[in-house]
Amino acid sequence: VRTVAIAGCGCSGDSKIIAGMTQVLQLPMVSCCSTSPSLSKREWFPYFARVIPSDRRLLLGLFQIFNYFNWKHVVLLQSLREAALEF
């Protein structure tokens, strides 16, 4: 049986490890849960794809909502996990 692709991991940290190996294996990887913005860097992860937007894209969408409703003061709370430190 020949492997043709990797169905991705459930978190960005694990996806980064496996996606790093996909270049050597020349296998595409698709993730439905990994949202780390660094996984969008094609020079680092050329075989990685996702079906969910990155955290950065989600944040841009939030800013558009804030602007639409003309909200001047907004508080965002986020955990100190790896993805939170990438912004």
Protein backbone atom coordinates (compact mmCIF):
# COMPACT_ATOMS: atom_id res chain seq x y z
CA VAL A 1 0.00 0.00 0.00
CA ARG A 2 1.39 3.36 -1.04
CA THR A 3 0.82 6.43 1.15
CA VAL A 4 -0.40 9.37 -0.92
CA ALA A 5 -1.13 11.98 1.78
CA ILE A 6 -1.24 12.59 5.51
CA ALA A 7 -4.47 13.59 7.24
CA GLY A 8 -3.18 16.16 9.70
CA CYS A 9 -2.89 16.40 13.43
CA GLY A 10 -5.34 17.85 15.91
CA CYS A 11 -3.13 20.74 17.02
CA SER A 12 -0.65 23.15 15.47
CA GLY A 13 2.35 22.00 17.50
CA ASP A 14 2.07 18.42 16.31
CA SER A 15 1.29 19.55 12.77
CA LYS A 16 4.52 21.57 12.66
CA ILE A 17 6.53 18.47 13.54
CA ILE A 18 4.81 16.23 10.99
CA ALA A 19 4.66 18.95 8.31
CA GLY A 20 8.42 19.36 8.69
CA MET A 21 8.82 15.71 7.71
CA THR A 22 6.47 15.92 4.72
CA GLN A 23 9.07 17.81 2.72
CA VAL A 24 11.53 14.93 3.06
CA LEU A 25 8.79 12.38 2.28
CA GLN A 26 7.30 14.59 -0.46
CA LEU A 27 3.81 13.89 0.83
CA PRO A 28 1.04 16.47 1.13
CA MET A 29 -0.52 16.99 4.54
CA VAL A 30 -4.01 18.35 5.18
CA SER A 31 -5.15 19.53 8.62
CA CYS A 32 -8.63 20.44 9.78
CA CYS A 33 -7.63 21.81 13.18
CA SER A 34 -4.20 23.49 12.99
CA THR A 35 -4.56 27.28 13.05
CA SER A 36 -1.02 28.52 13.73
CA PRO A 37 -0.10 31.39 11.38
CA SER A 38 3.43 30.01 10.94
CA LEU A 39 2.02 26.97 9.11
CA SER A 40 1.09 29.38 6.28
CA LYS A 41 4.77 29.97 5.47
CA ARG A 42 5.24 28.03 2.23
CA GLU A 43 9.04 28.18 2.45
CA TRP A 44 8.86 26.24 5.74
CA PHE A 45 5.89 23.96 5.04
CA PRO A 46 5.48 23.56 1.26
CA TYR A 47 3.41 20.37 1.52
CA PHE A 48 1.02 21.60 4.23
CA ALA A 49 -2.59 22.67 3.62
CA ARG A 50 -5.49 23.32 5.93
CA VAL A 51 -9.26 23.56 5.67
CA ILE A 52 -9.62 26.05 8.53
CA PRO A 53 -8.41 29.66 8.56
CA SER A 54 -5.28 30.58 10.48
CA ASP A 55 -5.56 32.48 13.76
CA ARG A 56 -4.25 35.59 12.00
CA ARG A 57 -7.05 35.50 9.41
CA LEU A 58 -9.61 35.01 12.18
CA LEU A 59 -8.24 38.04 14.03
CA LEU A 60 -8.51 40.18 10.88
CA GLY A 61 -12.16 39.14 10.61
CA LEU A 62 -12.75 40.19 14.21
CA PHE A 63 -11.27 43.62 13.47
CA GLN A 64 -13.66 44.01 10.56
CA ILE A 65 -16.58 43.28 12.90
CA PHE A 66 -15.28 45.81 15.43
CA ASN A 67 -15.03 48.46 12.69
CA TYR A 68 -18.47 47.64 11.28
CA PHE A 69 -20.13 48.19 14.66
CA ASN A 70 -17.85 51.16 15.39
CA TRP A 71 -16.69 49.59 18.65
CA LYS A 72 -13.95 51.73 20.17
CA HIS A 73 -13.05 49.62 23.20
CA VAL A 74 -12.72 45.86 22.91
CA VAL A 75 -11.07 43.38 25.24
CA LEU A 76 -9.80 40.07 23.84
CA LEU A 77 -8.80 37.28 26.19
CA GLN A 78 -6.61 34.42 25.04
CA SER A 79 -4.64 31.70 26.73
CA LEU A 80 -0.85 31.67 26.82
CA ARG A 81 -0.57 28.75 24.48
CA GLU A 82 1.89 28.64 21.60
CA ALA A 83 -0.44 30.15 18.98
CA ALA A 84 -1.18 33.15 21.20
CA LEU A 85 2.50 34.03 21.29
CA GLU A 86 2.78 34.22 17.47
CA PHE A 87 0.88 37.51 17.09
